[in-house]
C-alpha atoms as a PDB file:
ATOM      1  CA  MET A   1     -27.830  -2.359  -0.733  1.00  0.00           C
ATOM      2  CA  ASN A   2     -30.743   0.085  -0.058  1.00  0.00           C
ATOM      3  CA  GLY A   3     -28.244   2.090   1.739  1.00  0.00           C
ATOM      4  CA  ASP A   4     -26.983  -0.605   4.340  1.00  0.00           C
ATOM      5  CA  THR A   5     -24.171   0.106   6.093  1.00  0.00           C
ATOM      6  CA  VAL A   6     -23.189  -3.581   6.727  1.00  0.00           C
ATOM      7  CA  ILE A   7     -19.848  -5.236   4.788  1.00  0.00           C
ATOM      8  CA  TRP A   8     -21.487  -7.968   2.865  1.00  0.00           C
ATOM      9  CA  LYS A   9     -19.021 -10.169   2.261  1.00  0.00           C
ATOM     10  CA  TYR A  10     -18.192 -11.080   5.838  1.00  0.00           C
ATOM     11  CA  ILE A  11     -21.555 -11.318   6.750  1.00  0.00           C
ATOM     12  CA  GLY A  12     -24.005 -13.031   4.143  1.00  0.00           C
ATOM     13  CA  SER A  13     -25.081 -12.423   0.138  1.00  0.00           C
ATOM     14  CA  ASP A  14     -28.638 -11.549   1.443  1.00  0.00           C
ATOM     15  CA  ASN A  15     -31.089 -10.261   4.148  1.00  0.00           C
ATOM     16  CA  VAL A  16     -31.981 -13.012   4.834  1.00  0.00           C
ATOM     17  CA  ALA A  17     -30.882 -16.631   4.722  1.00  0.00           C
ATOM     18  CA  SER A  18     -27.366 -16.762   4.860  1.00  0.00           C
ATOM     19  CA  MET A  19     -26.447 -13.663   7.253  1.00  0.00           C
ATOM     20  CA  ARG A  20     -24.765 -13.445  10.138  1.00  0.00           C
ATOM     21  CA  PRO A  21     -24.967 -11.234  13.338  1.00  0.00           C
ATOM     22  CA  ALA A  22     -23.427  -7.871  12.674  1.00  0.00           C
ATOM     23  CA  PHE A  23     -21.719  -8.701  15.442  1.00  0.00           C
ATOM     24  CA  GLN A  24     -20.307 -11.469  13.847  1.00  0.00           C
ATOM     25  CA  SER A  25     -18.215 -10.284  11.144  1.00  0.00           C
ATOM     26  CA  ASP A  26     -14.479 -12.463  11.166  1.00  0.00           C
ATOM     27  CA  ALA A  27     -14.293 -15.774  10.465  1.00  0.00           C
ATOM     28  CA  SER A  28     -11.492 -18.294  10.888  1.00  0.00           C
ATOM     29  CA  TRP A  29     -10.290 -19.628   8.090  1.00  0.00           C
ATOM     30  CA  ASN A  30      -8.518 -17.203   5.530  1.00  0.00           C
ATOM     31  CA  PHE A  31      -9.332 -16.904   1.704  1.00  0.00           C
ATOM     32  CA  TYR A  32      -6.890 -16.345  -1.078  1.00  0.00           C
ATOM     33  CA  ARG A  33      -7.658 -15.740  -4.077  1.00  0.00           C
ATOM     34  CA  SER A  34      -6.742 -15.563  -7.442  1.00  0.00           C
ATOM     35  CA  ALA A  35      -6.481 -11.298  -6.865  1.00  0.00           C
ATOM     36  CA  ASP A  36      -3.952 -12.356  -3.327  1.00  0.00           C
ATOM     37  CA  ALA A  37      -1.994 -14.718  -6.225  1.00  0.00           C
ATOM     38  CA  TYR A  38      -1.443 -11.984  -8.635  1.00  0.00           C
ATOM     39  CA  LEU A  39      -0.192  -8.645  -6.531  1.00  0.00           C
ATOM     40  CA  ILE A  40       1.847 -11.448  -4.525  1.00  0.00           C
ATOM     41  CA  LYS A  41       3.211 -12.759  -7.826  1.00  0.00           C
ATOM     42  CA  ALA A  42       4.284  -8.515  -8.697  1.00  0.00           C
ATOM     43  CA  MET A  43       5.388  -8.684  -5.419  1.00  0.00           C
ATOM     44  CA  ALA A  44       7.839 -11.036  -6.114  1.00  0.00           C
ATOM     45  CA  ASP A  45       8.969 -10.023  -8.980  1.00  0.00           C
ATOM     46  CA  LEU A  46       8.906  -6.432  -7.866  1.00  0.00           C
ATOM     47  CA  MET A  47      12.204  -7.625  -6.142  1.00  0.00           C
ATOM     48  CA  LEU A  48      13.386  -9.423  -8.637  1.00  0.00           C
ATOM     49  CA  ASN A  49      13.625  -6.795 -10.529  1.00  0.00           C
ATOM     50  CA  ASP A  50      11.347  -8.016 -13.108  1.00  0.00           C
ATOM     51  CA  TYR A  51       9.304  -4.098 -13.578  1.00  0.00           C
ATOM     52  CA  SER A  52       7.055  -5.143 -16.532  1.00  0.00           C
ATOM     53  CA  THR A  53       6.080  -8.194 -15.457  1.00  0.00           C
ATOM     54  CA  ALA A  54       5.222  -6.376 -11.737  1.00  0.00           C
ATOM     55  CA  PHE A  55       3.492  -3.987 -13.638  1.00  0.00           C
ATOM     56  CA  ASN A  56       1.520  -6.481 -15.601  1.00  0.00           C
ATOM     57  CA  PHE A  57       0.079  -8.576 -13.177  1.00  0.00           C
ATOM     58  CA  VAL A  58      -1.428  -5.444 -11.361  1.00  0.00           C
ATOM     59  CA  ASN A  59      -3.103  -4.528 -14.583  1.00  0.00           C
ATOM     60  CA  MET A  60      -4.525  -7.604 -14.897  1.00  0.00           C
ATOM     61  CA  LEU A  61      -5.989  -7.620 -11.397  1.00  0.00           C
ATOM     62  CA  ARG A  62      -7.260  -3.983 -12.085  1.00  0.00           C
ATOM     63  CA  VAL A  63      -8.729  -5.135 -15.328  1.00  0.00           C
ATOM     64  CA  ALA A  64     -10.741  -7.897 -13.340  1.00  0.00           C
ATOM     65  CA  ARG A  65     -12.320  -6.066 -10.809  1.00  0.00           C
ATOM     66  CA  GLY A  66     -12.933  -3.493 -14.159  1.00  0.00           C
ATOM     67  CA  LEU A  67     -10.926  -0.776 -12.913  1.00  0.00           C
ATOM     68  CA  LYS A  68      -8.958   1.056 -15.676  1.00  0.00           C
ATOM     69  CA  GLU A  69      -5.712  -0.328 -17.269  1.00  0.00           C
ATOM     70  CA  LEU A  70      -2.658   1.692 -16.374  1.00  0.00           C
ATOM     71  CA  ASP A  71      -0.969   2.827 -19.709  1.00  0.00           C
ATOM     72  CA  PRO A  72       2.793   1.660 -18.849  1.00  0.00           C
ATOM     73  CA  LEU A  73       4.099   5.055 -21.375  1.00  0.00           C
ATOM     74  CA  GLN A  74       1.929   7.410 -18.438  1.00  0.00           C
ATOM     75  CA  THR A  75       2.951   5.050 -15.692  1.00  0.00           C
ATOM     76  CA  ASN A  76       6.605   5.032 -13.967  1.00  0.00           C
ATOM     77  CA  TYR A  77       6.958   1.560 -13.623  1.00  0.00           C
ATOM     78  CA  ARG A  78      10.768   0.895 -13.591  1.00  0.00           C
ATOM     79  CA  ASP A  79      10.727   2.875 -10.217  1.00  0.00           C
ATOM     80  CA  LYS A  80      10.671   0.254  -7.592  1.00  0.00           C
ATOM     81  CA  GLU A  81       9.424   2.439  -4.504  1.00  0.00           C
ATOM     82  CA  TYR A  82       6.835   3.684  -7.222  1.00  0.00           C
ATOM     83  CA  MET A  83       5.767   0.774  -7.691  1.00  0.00           C
ATOM     84  CA  LEU A  84       5.393  -1.392  -4.069  1.00  0.00           C
ATOM     85  CA  GLY A  85       3.363   1.598  -3.675  1.00  0.00           C
ATOM     86  CA  LEU A  86       0.867   1.475  -6.403  1.00  0.00           C
ATOM     87  CA  ILE A  87       0.963  -2.913  -5.647  1.00  0.00           C
ATOM     88  CA  PHE A  88       0.179  -2.262  -1.986  1.00  0.00           C
ATOM     89  CA  LYS A  89      -2.619   0.496  -2.668  1.00  0.00           C
ATOM     90  CA  GLU A  90      -4.198  -1.971  -4.654  1.00  0.00           C
ATOM     91  CA  LYS A  91      -3.336  -4.525  -1.868  1.00  0.00           C
ATOM     92  CA  ALA A  92      -5.487  -1.702   0.400  1.00  0.00           C
ATOM     93  CA  ARG A  93      -8.715  -1.730  -1.775  1.00  0.00           C
ATOM     94  CA  GLU A  94      -8.834  -5.739  -2.690  1.00  0.00           C
ATOM     95  CA  ASP A  95      -8.410  -6.351   0.788  1.00  0.00           C
ATOM     96  CA  ALA A  96     -10.846  -3.424   2.294  1.00  0.00           C
ATOM     97  CA  PHE A  97     -11.768  -4.979   5.552  1.00  0.00           C
ATOM     98  CA  GLU A  98     -10.418  -8.228   5.988  1.00  0.00           C
ATOM     99  CA  GLY A  99      -7.749  -6.944   8.792  1.00  0.00           C
ATOM    100  CA  LYS A 100      -4.551  -7.692   7.094  1.00  0.00           C
ATOM    101  CA  ARG A 101      -3.342  -3.302   5.862  1.00  0.00           C
ATOM    102  CA  TRP A 102      -1.804  -3.842   9.630  1.00  0.00           C
ATOM    103  CA  TYR A 103       0.509  -6.791   8.233  1.00  0.00           C
ATOM    104  CA  ASP A 104       0.378  -5.130   4.554  1.00  0.00           C
ATOM    105  CA  LEU A 105       2.091  -2.318   5.954  1.00  0.00           C
ATOM    106  CA  MET A 106       4.758  -3.732   8.346  1.00  0.00           C
ATOM    107  CA  LEU A 107       5.357  -5.668   4.963  1.00  0.00           C
ATOM    108  CA  TRP A 108       5.899  -2.954   3.266  1.00  0.00           C
ATOM    109  CA  SER A 109       7.672  -1.229   5.387  1.00  0.00           C
ATOM    110  CA  ARG A 110       9.837  -4.166   5.529  1.00  0.00           C
ATOM    111  CA  LEU A 111       9.488  -4.034   1.758  1.00  0.00           C
ATOM    112  CA  SER A 112      10.844  -0.879   1.060  1.00  0.00           C
ATOM    113  CA  GLY A 113      13.368   0.715   3.643  1.00  0.00           C
ATOM    114  CA  LYS A 114      10.971   3.302   5.263  1.00  0.00           C
ATOM    115  CA  ASN A 115       8.348   3.117   7.697  1.00  0.00           C
ATOM    116  CA  GLN A 116       4.880   3.154   6.177  1.00  0.00           C
ATOM    117  CA  LEU A 117       2.793   2.150   9.169  1.00  0.00           C
ATOM    118  CA  ALA A 118       4.197   4.829  11.392  1.00  0.00           C
ATOM    119  CA  ASP A 119       3.262   7.103   8.551  1.00  0.00           C
ATOM    120  CA  ALA A 120      -0.753   5.661   8.031  1.00  0.00           C
ATOM    121  CA  VAL A 121      -1.038   5.168  11.350  1.00  0.00           C
ATOM    122  CA  ALA A 122      -0.607   8.550  12.356  1.00  0.00           C
ATOM    123  CA  ALA A 123      -2.498  10.148   9.294  1.00  0.00           C
ATOM    124  CA  LYS A 124      -5.785   8.605  11.554  1.00  0.00           C
ATOM    125  CA  TYR A 125      -5.210  11.197  14.343  1.00  0.00           C
ATOM    126  CA  ASN A 126      -5.162  14.982  14.791  1.00  0.00           C
ATOM    127  CA  SER A 127      -1.832  17.042  16.454  1.00  0.00           C
ATOM    128  CA  PRO A 128      -0.116  16.267  19.163  1.00  0.00           C
ATOM    129  CA  GLN A 129      -1.577  12.743  19.082  1.00  0.00           C
ATOM    130  CA  SER A 130      -0.212  11.934  15.599  1.00  0.00           C
ATOM    131  CA  GLU A 131       3.176  13.091  16.504  1.00  0.00           C
ATOM    132  CA  THR A 132       3.350  10.425  19.327  1.00  0.00           C
ATOM    133  CA  ILE A 133       1.322   7.560  17.744  1.00  0.00           C
ATOM    134  CA  LYS A 134       4.067   8.160  14.888  1.00  0.00           C
ATOM    135  CA  ALA A 135       6.962   8.486  17.684  1.00  0.00           C
ATOM    136  CA  GLN A 136       6.224   4.937  18.894  1.00  0.00           C
ATOM    137  CA  LEU A 137       6.045   3.507  15.686  1.00  0.00           C
ATOM    138  CA  GLN A 138       9.355   4.295  14.201  1.00  0.00           C
ATOM    139  CA  ASN A 139      10.221   1.580  16.749  1.00  0.00           C
ATOM    140  CA  GLN A 140       9.988  -1.517  15.214  1.00  0.00           C
ATOM    141  CA  ASP A 141       9.062  -3.152  18.873  1.00  0.00           C
ATOM    142  CA  ASN A 142       6.035  -1.301  19.194  1.00  0.00           C
ATOM    143  CA  TRP A 143       4.729  -3.143  15.624  1.00  0.00           C
ATOM    144  CA  TYR A 144       3.262  -6.285  18.074  1.00  0.00           C
ATOM    145  CA  ILE A 145       1.746  -7.540  20.835  1.00  0.00           C
ATOM    146  CA  PRO A 146       3.999  -8.134  23.867  1.00  0.00           C
ATOM    147  CA  ILE A 147       3.544 -11.399  24.687  1.00  0.00           C
ATOM    148  CA  ASP A 148       4.456 -12.342  28.536  1.00  0.00           C
ATOM    149  CA  PRO A 149       7.390 -15.051  28.420  1.00  0.00           C
ATOM    150  CA  LEU A 150       6.615 -16.069  32.770  1.00  0.00           C
ATOM    151  CA  LEU A 151       3.346 -17.459  30.116  1.00  0.00           C
ATOM    152  CA  TRP A 152       6.034 -19.851  28.092  1.00  0.00           C
END
């Protein structure tokens, strides 16, 4: 809005009445929209090898968001790895600024058998820090915040 650098889905719908302070950009609840359901359904169908239904749910979401529908004749929708990438790219676009990306990258890594998290996080840094971060995240134990056992 008018060059603002504010993420409106967190702080309000206008400049006055509904606006929260910019530092208060989190909420203590989760919303699941139809887009979330479509993408979860697409993932479930893909894991059940129902490629066409998974592809159709991705397209339903794209159309609802005003994006170009993907042509099944020009899309390799029968490739599970390609479809996982497509679904998680749609999730990234849909869930932007909602704090879900880390968890999505962990899920994508588990479903694909390839460490998507290490690659995505390391890509944000320059060498040699990039290689160090990627090496650390190759170990899945480093994906989680350690919990002090003495606190339990």
